[in-house]
PDB file of all heavy atoms in Angstrom:
ATOM      1  N   VAL A   1      -0.842   7.192  -0.642  1.00  0.00           N
ATOM      2  CA  VAL A   1      -1.471   6.804  -1.924  1.00  0.00           C
ATOM      3  C   VAL A   1      -0.640   5.679  -2.508  1.00  0.00           C
ATOM      4  O   VAL A   1       0.623   5.782  -2.659  1.00  0.00           O
ATOM      5  CB  VAL A   1      -1.581   7.937  -2.918  1.00  0.00           C
ATOM      6  CG1 VAL A   1      -2.405   7.544  -4.134  1.00  0.00           C
ATOM      7  CG2 VAL A   1      -2.212   9.165  -2.258  1.00  0.00           C
ATOM      8  N   THR A   2      -1.320   4.601  -3.001  1.00  0.00           N
ATOM      9  CA  THR A   2      -0.627   3.575  -3.699  1.00  0.00           C
ATOM     10  C   THR A   2      -1.508   2.932  -4.747  1.00  0.00           C
ATOM     11  O   THR A   2      -2.734   2.908  -4.614  1.00  0.00           O
ATOM     12  CB  THR A   2      -0.177   2.467  -2.676  1.00  0.00           C
ATOM     13  OG1 THR A   2       0.614   1.484  -3.407  1.00  0.00           O
ATOM     14  CG2 THR A   2      -1.368   1.774  -2.054  1.00  0.00           C
ATOM     15  N   ASP A   3      -0.876   2.408  -5.790  1.00  0.00           N
ATOM     16  CA  ASP A   3      -1.536   1.456  -6.661  1.00  0.00           C
ATOM     17  C   ASP A   3      -1.684   0.177  -5.953  1.00  0.00           C
ATOM     18  O   ASP A   3      -0.853  -0.220  -5.103  1.00  0.00           O
ATOM     19  CB  ASP A   3      -0.721   1.229  -7.951  1.00  0.00           C
ATOM     20  CG  ASP A   3      -0.762   2.416  -8.914  1.00  0.00           C
ATOM     21  OD1 ASP A   3      -1.764   3.129  -8.967  1.00  0.00           O
ATOM     22  OD2 ASP A   3       0.226   2.617  -9.607  1.00  0.00           O
ATOM     23  N   ALA A   4      -2.765  -0.583  -6.215  1.00  0.00           N
ATOM     24  CA  ALA A   4      -2.924  -1.926  -5.649  1.00  0.00           C
ATOM     25  C   ALA A   4      -2.038  -2.880  -6.458  1.00  0.00           C
ATOM     26  O   ALA A   4      -1.250  -3.737  -5.918  1.00  0.00           O
ATOM     27  CB  ALA A   4      -4.338  -2.375  -5.672  1.00  0.00           C
ATOM     28  N   VAL A   5      -2.130  -2.785  -7.776  1.00  0.00           N
ATOM     29  CA  VAL A   5      -1.263  -3.516  -8.743  1.00  0.00           C
ATOM     30  C   VAL A   5      -0.548  -2.482  -9.529  1.00  0.00           C
ATOM     31  O   VAL A   5      -1.162  -1.623 -10.130  1.00  0.00           O
ATOM     32  CB  VAL A   5      -2.068  -4.485  -9.624  1.00  0.00           C
ATOM     33  CG1 VAL A   5      -1.180  -5.080 -10.718  1.00  0.00           C
ATOM     34  CG2 VAL A   5      -2.675  -5.639  -8.797  1.00  0.00           C
ATOM     35  N   PHE A   6       0.764  -2.578  -9.610  1.00  0.00           N
ATOM     36  CA  PHE A   6       1.577  -1.549 -10.327  1.00  0.00           C
ATOM     37  C   PHE A   6       1.545  -1.837 -11.797  1.00  0.00           C
ATOM     38  O   PHE A   6       1.857  -2.970 -12.258  1.00  0.00           O
ATOM     39  CB  PHE A   6       2.943  -1.486  -9.724  1.00  0.00           C
ATOM     40  CG  PHE A   6       2.975  -0.933  -8.337  1.00  0.00           C
ATOM     41  CD1 PHE A   6       2.867  -1.795  -7.244  1.00  0.00           C
ATOM     42  CD2 PHE A   6       3.024   0.445  -8.085  1.00  0.00           C
ATOM     43  CE1 PHE A   6       2.809  -1.293  -5.961  1.00  0.00           C
ATOM     44  CE2 PHE A   6       2.928   0.937  -6.786  1.00  0.00           C
ATOM     45  CZ  PHE A   6       2.831   0.023  -5.729  1.00  0.00           C
ATOM     46  N   SER A   7       1.177  -0.838 -12.558  1.00  0.00           N
ATOM     47  CA  SER A   7       0.769  -1.039 -13.956  1.00  0.00           C
ATOM     48  C   SER A   7       1.954  -1.477 -14.897  1.00  0.00           C
ATOM     49  O   SER A   7       1.686  -2.146 -15.906  1.00  0.00           O
ATOM     50  CB  SER A   7       0.214   0.278 -14.541  1.00  0.00           C
ATOM     51  OG  SER A   7       1.114   1.347 -14.484  1.00  0.00           O
ATOM     52  N   MET A   8       3.199  -1.146 -14.582  1.00  0.00           N
ATOM     53  CA  MET A   8       4.279  -1.508 -15.438  1.00  0.00           C
ATOM     54  C   MET A   8       5.091  -2.763 -15.003  1.00  0.00           C
ATOM     55  O   MET A   8       5.782  -3.394 -15.772  1.00  0.00           O
ATOM     56  CB  MET A   8       5.261  -0.358 -15.654  1.00  0.00           C
ATOM     57  CG  MET A   8       4.666   0.805 -16.390  1.00  0.00           C
ATOM     58  SD  MET A   8       4.192   0.369 -18.053  1.00  0.00           S
ATOM     59  CE  MET A   8       2.432   0.591 -18.024  1.00  0.00           C
ATOM     60  N   ASP A   9       4.964  -3.078 -13.702  1.00  0.00           N
ATOM     61  CA  ASP A   9       5.691  -4.223 -13.147  1.00  0.00           C
ATOM     62  C   ASP A   9       4.749  -5.381 -12.844  1.00  0.00           C
ATOM     63  O   ASP A   9       5.208  -6.507 -12.757  1.00  0.00           O
ATOM     64  CB  ASP A   9       6.506  -3.819 -11.902  1.00  0.00           C
ATOM     65  CG  ASP A   9       7.684  -2.948 -12.210  1.00  0.00           C
ATOM     66  OD1 ASP A   9       7.447  -1.730 -12.498  1.00  0.00           O
ATOM     67  OD2 ASP A   9       8.781  -3.468 -12.213  1.00  0.00           O
ATOM     68  N   GLY A  10       3.489  -5.090 -12.563  1.00  0.00           N
ATOM     69  CA  GLY A  10       2.536  -6.139 -12.295  1.00  0.00           C
ATOM     70  C   GLY A  10       2.595  -6.698 -10.886  1.00  0.00           C
ATOM     71  O   GLY A  10       1.845  -7.644 -10.560  1.00  0.00           O
ATOM     72  N   ASP A  11       3.434  -6.129  -9.988  1.00  0.00           N
ATOM     73  CA  ASP A  11       3.477  -6.643  -8.632  1.00  0.00           C
ATOM     74  C   ASP A  11       2.478  -5.949  -7.755  1.00  0.00           C
ATOM     75  O   ASP A  11       1.848  -4.957  -8.163  1.00  0.00           O
ATOM     76  CB  ASP A  11       4.922  -6.482  -8.103  1.00  0.00           C
ATOM     77  CG  ASP A  11       5.429  -5.015  -8.159  1.00  0.00           C
ATOM     78  OD1 ASP A  11       4.877  -4.214  -8.894  1.00  0.00           O
ATOM     79  OD2 ASP A  11       6.363  -4.702  -7.386  1.00  0.00           O
ATOM     80  N   LEU A  12       2.253  -6.471  -6.548  1.00  0.00           N
ATOM     81  CA  LEU A  12       1.213  -6.016  -5.684  1.00  0.00           C
ATOM     82  C   LEU A  12       1.749  -5.113  -4.555  1.00  0.00           C
ATOM     83  O   LEU A  12       2.865  -5.302  -4.068  1.00  0.00           O
ATOM     84  CB  LEU A  12       0.462  -7.182  -5.065  1.00  0.00           C
ATOM     85  CG  LEU A  12       0.034  -8.337  -5.974  1.00  0.00           C
ATOM     86  CD1 LEU A  12      -0.783  -9.378  -5.198  1.00  0.00           C
ATOM     87  CD2 LEU A  12      -0.748  -7.829  -7.171  1.00  0.00           C
ATOM     88  N   ALA A  13       0.937  -4.152  -4.141  1.00  0.00           N
ATOM     89  CA  ALA A  13       1.324  -3.347  -2.973  1.00  0.00           C
ATOM     90  C   ALA A  13       1.170  -4.115  -1.656  1.00  0.00           C
ATOM     91  O   ALA A  13       0.260  -4.949  -1.594  1.00  0.00           O
ATOM     92  CB  ALA A  13       0.464  -2.090  -2.921  1.00  0.00           C
ATOM     93  N   PRO A  14       1.975  -3.802  -0.687  1.00  0.00           N
ATOM     94  CA  PRO A  14       1.842  -4.528   0.621  1.00  0.00           C
ATOM     95  C   PRO A  14       0.757  -3.849   1.419  1.00  0.00           C
ATOM     96  O   PRO A  14       1.010  -3.075   2.367  1.00  0.00           O
ATOM     97  CB  PRO A  14       3.230  -4.284   1.254  1.00  0.00           C
ATOM     98  CG  PRO A  14       3.702  -3.011   0.674  1.00  0.00           C
ATOM     99  CD  PRO A  14       3.151  -2.951  -0.723  1.00  0.00           C
ATOM    100  N   LEU A  15      -0.480  -4.099   1.099  1.00  0.00           N
ATOM    101  CA  LEU A  15      -1.638  -3.409   1.652  1.00  0.00           C
ATOM    102  C   LEU A  15      -1.758  -3.587   3.192  1.00  0.00           C
ATOM    103  O   LEU A  15      -2.164  -2.624   3.876  1.00  0.00           O
ATOM    104  CB  LEU A  15      -2.911  -3.775   0.910  1.00  0.00           C
ATOM    105  CG  LEU A  15      -2.992  -3.385  -0.558  1.00  0.00           C
ATOM    106  CD1 LEU A  15      -4.304  -3.866  -1.190  1.00  0.00           C
ATOM    107  CD2 LEU A  15      -2.829  -1.864  -0.714  1.00  0.00           C
ATOM    108  N   GLN A  16      -1.491  -4.776   3.688  1.00  0.00           N
ATOM    109  CA  GLN A  16      -1.599  -4.960   5.157  1.00  0.00           C
ATOM    110  C   GLN A  16      -0.668  -4.030   5.906  1.00  0.00           C
ATOM    111  O   GLN A  16      -1.045  -3.387   6.875  1.00  0.00           O
ATOM    112  CB  GLN A  16      -1.261  -6.443   5.490  1.00  0.00           C
ATOM    113  CG  GLN A  16      -2.306  -7.455   4.984  1.00  0.00           C
ATOM    114  CD  GLN A  16      -1.822  -8.129   3.701  1.00  0.00           C
ATOM    115  OE1 GLN A  16      -1.085  -7.525   2.925  1.00  0.00           O
ATOM    116  NE2 GLN A  16      -2.204  -9.346   3.459  1.00  0.00           N
ATOM    117  N   GLU A  17       0.582  -3.915   5.417  1.00  0.00           N
ATOM    118  CA  GLU A  17       1.562  -3.049   6.108  1.00  0.00           C
ATOM    119  C   GLU A  17       1.165  -1.588   5.942  1.00  0.00           C
ATOM    120  O   GLU A  17       1.342  -0.809   6.919  1.00  0.00           O
ATOM    121  CB  GLU A  17       2.945  -3.220   5.526  1.00  0.00           C
ATOM    122  CG  GLU A  17       3.568  -4.613   5.871  1.00  0.00           C
ATOM    123  CD  GLU A  17       3.238  -5.732   4.830  1.00  0.00           C
ATOM    124  OE1 GLU A  17       2.196  -5.554   4.068  1.00  0.00           O
ATOM    125  OE2 GLU A  17       3.979  -6.700   4.754  1.00  0.00           O
ATOM    126  N   LEU A  18       0.597  -1.234   4.819  1.00  0.00           N
ATOM    127  CA  LEU A  18       0.163   0.148   4.579  1.00  0.00           C
ATOM    128  C   LEU A  18      -0.964   0.505   5.560  1.00  0.00           C
ATOM    129  O   LEU A  18      -1.022   1.635   6.127  1.00  0.00           O
ATOM    130  CB  LEU A  18      -0.291   0.321   3.173  1.00  0.00           C
ATOM    131  CG  LEU A  18       0.849   0.421   2.146  1.00  0.00           C
ATOM    132  CD1 LEU A  18       0.309   0.267   0.724  1.00  0.00           C
ATOM    133  CD2 LEU A  18       1.636   1.724   2.265  1.00  0.00           C
ATOM    134  N   VAL A  19      -1.897  -0.429   5.785  1.00  0.00           N
ATOM    135  CA  VAL A  19      -2.986  -0.155   6.731  1.00  0.00           C
ATOM    136  C   VAL A  19      -2.455   0.028   8.138  1.00  0.00           C
ATOM    137  O   VAL A  19      -2.884   0.954   8.836  1.00  0.00           O
ATOM    138  CB  VAL A  19      -4.017  -1.357   6.695  1.00  0.00           C
ATOM    139  CG1 VAL A  19      -4.921  -1.293   7.928  1.00  0.00           C
ATOM    140  CG2 VAL A  19      -4.812  -1.312   5.433  1.00  0.00           C
ATOM    141  N   LEU A  20      -1.544  -0.781   8.582  1.00  0.00           N
ATOM    142  CA  LEU A  20      -0.916  -0.667   9.874  1.00  0.00           C
ATOM    143  C   LEU A  20      -0.222   0.694  10.065  1.00  0.00           C
ATOM    144  O   LEU A  20      -0.379   1.363  11.098  1.00  0.00           O
ATOM    145  CB  LEU A  20       0.047  -1.785  10.171  1.00  0.00           C
ATOM    146  CG  LEU A  20      -0.544  -3.181  10.272  1.00  0.00           C
ATOM    147  CD1 LEU A  20       0.535  -4.264  10.381  1.00  0.00           C
ATOM    148  CD2 LEU A  20      -1.466  -3.259  11.495  1.00  0.00           C
ATOM    149  N   LEU A  21       0.493   1.137   9.030  1.00  0.00           N
ATOM    150  CA  LEU A  21       1.221   2.397   9.105  1.00  0.00           C
ATOM    151  C   LEU A  21       0.266   3.574   9.139  1.00  0.00           C
ATOM    152  O   LEU A  21       0.471   4.578   9.851  1.00  0.00           O
ATOM    153  CB  LEU A  21       2.211   2.524   7.917  1.00  0.00           C
ATOM    154  CG  LEU A  21       3.461   1.666   8.040  1.00  0.00           C
ATOM    155  CD1 LEU A  21       4.260   1.730   6.772  1.00  0.00           C
ATOM    156  CD2 LEU A  21       4.336   2.150   9.261  1.00  0.00           C
ATOM    157  N   LYS A  22      -0.791   3.530   8.317  1.00  0.00           N
ATOM    158  CA  LYS A  22      -1.748   4.659   8.297  1.00  0.00           C
ATOM    159  C   LYS A  22      -2.427   4.785   9.639  1.00  0.00           C
ATOM    160  O   LYS A  22      -2.730   5.905  10.085  1.00  0.00           O
ATOM    161  CB  LYS A  22      -2.723   4.511   7.132  1.00  0.00           C
ATOM    162  CG  LYS A  22      -3.890   3.581   7.343  1.00  0.00           C
ATOM    163  CD  LYS A  22      -5.181   4.369   7.617  1.00  0.00           C
ATOM    164  CE  LYS A  22      -6.347   3.399   7.789  1.00  0.00           C
ATOM    165  NZ  LYS A  22      -7.612   4.105   8.010  1.00  0.00           N
ATOM    166  N   GLU A  23      -2.725   3.658  10.281  1.00  0.00           N
ATOM    167  CA  GLU A  23      -3.381   3.713  11.582  1.00  0.00           C
ATOM    168  C   GLU A  23      -2.376   4.272  12.648  1.00  0.00           C
ATOM    169  O   GLU A  23      -2.754   5.054  13.500  1.00  0.00           O
ATOM    170  CB  GLU A  23      -3.894   2.335  11.982  1.00  0.00           C
ATOM    171  CG  GLU A  23      -5.076   1.899  11.127  1.00  0.00           C
ATOM    172  CD  GLU A  23      -5.535   0.498  11.400  1.00  0.00           C
ATOM    173  OE1 GLU A  23      -4.801  -0.239  12.068  1.00  0.00           O
ATOM    174  OE2 GLU A  23      -6.637   0.123  10.898  1.00  0.00           O
ATOM    175  N   GLU A  24      -1.123   3.807  12.584  1.00  0.00           N
ATOM    176  CA  GLU A  24      -0.152   4.225  13.596  1.00  0.00           C
ATOM    177  C   GLU A  24       0.143   5.718  13.512  1.00  0.00           C
ATOM    178  O   GLU A  24       0.340   6.374  14.546  1.00  0.00           O
ATOM    179  CB  GLU A  24       1.167   3.430  13.359  1.00  0.00           C
ATOM    180  CG  GLU A  24       2.264   3.795  14.314  1.00  0.00           C
ATOM    181  CD  GLU A  24       3.559   2.990  14.082  1.00  0.00           C
ATOM    182  OE1 GLU A  24       3.503   2.003  13.297  1.00  0.00           O
ATOM    183  OE2 GLU A  24       4.592   3.310  14.702  1.00  0.00           O
ATOM    184  N   TYR A  25       0.165   6.262  12.313  1.00  0.00           N
ATOM    185  CA  TYR A  25       0.546   7.678  12.122  1.00  0.00           C
ATOM    186  C   TYR A  25      -0.657   8.621  11.812  1.00  0.00           C
ATOM    187  O   TYR A  25      -0.496   9.778  11.601  1.00  0.00           O
ATOM    188  CB  TYR A  25       1.549   7.781  11.009  1.00  0.00           C
ATOM    189  CG  TYR A  25       2.931   7.292  11.435  1.00  0.00           C
ATOM    190  CD1 TYR A  25       3.310   5.968  11.278  1.00  0.00           C
ATOM    191  CD2 TYR A  25       3.835   8.102  12.159  1.00  0.00           C
ATOM    192  CE1 TYR A  25       4.534   5.484  11.652  1.00  0.00           C
ATOM    193  CE2 TYR A  25       5.088   7.657  12.523  1.00  0.00           C
ATOM    194  CZ  TYR A  25       5.418   6.351  12.275  1.00  0.00           C
ATOM    195  OH  TYR A  25       6.649   5.903  12.693  1.00  0.00           O
ATOM    196  N   GLY A  26      -1.892   8.079  11.918  1.00  0.00           N
ATOM    197  CA  GLY A  26      -3.041   8.909  11.758  1.00  0.00           C
ATOM    198  C   GLY A  26      -3.181   9.457  10.319  1.00  0.00           C
ATOM    199  O   GLY A  26      -3.550  10.636  10.101  1.00  0.00           O
ATOM    200  N   ALA A  27      -2.863   8.669   9.341  1.00  0.00           N
ATOM    201  CA  ALA A  27      -2.917   9.110   7.945  1.00  0.00           C
ATOM    202  C   ALA A  27      -4.169   8.607   7.275  1.00  0.00           C
ATOM    203  O   ALA A  27      -4.923   7.765   7.810  1.00  0.00           O
ATOM    204  CB  ALA A  27      -1.717   8.580   7.175  1.00  0.00           C
TER     205      ALA A  27
END
């Protein structure tokens, strides 16, 4: 689970890497 944009810092989640990891580990 991740925020796309983090509400207090305003930075972005590394969504491409998260997709690769979820596919690799079956999450």
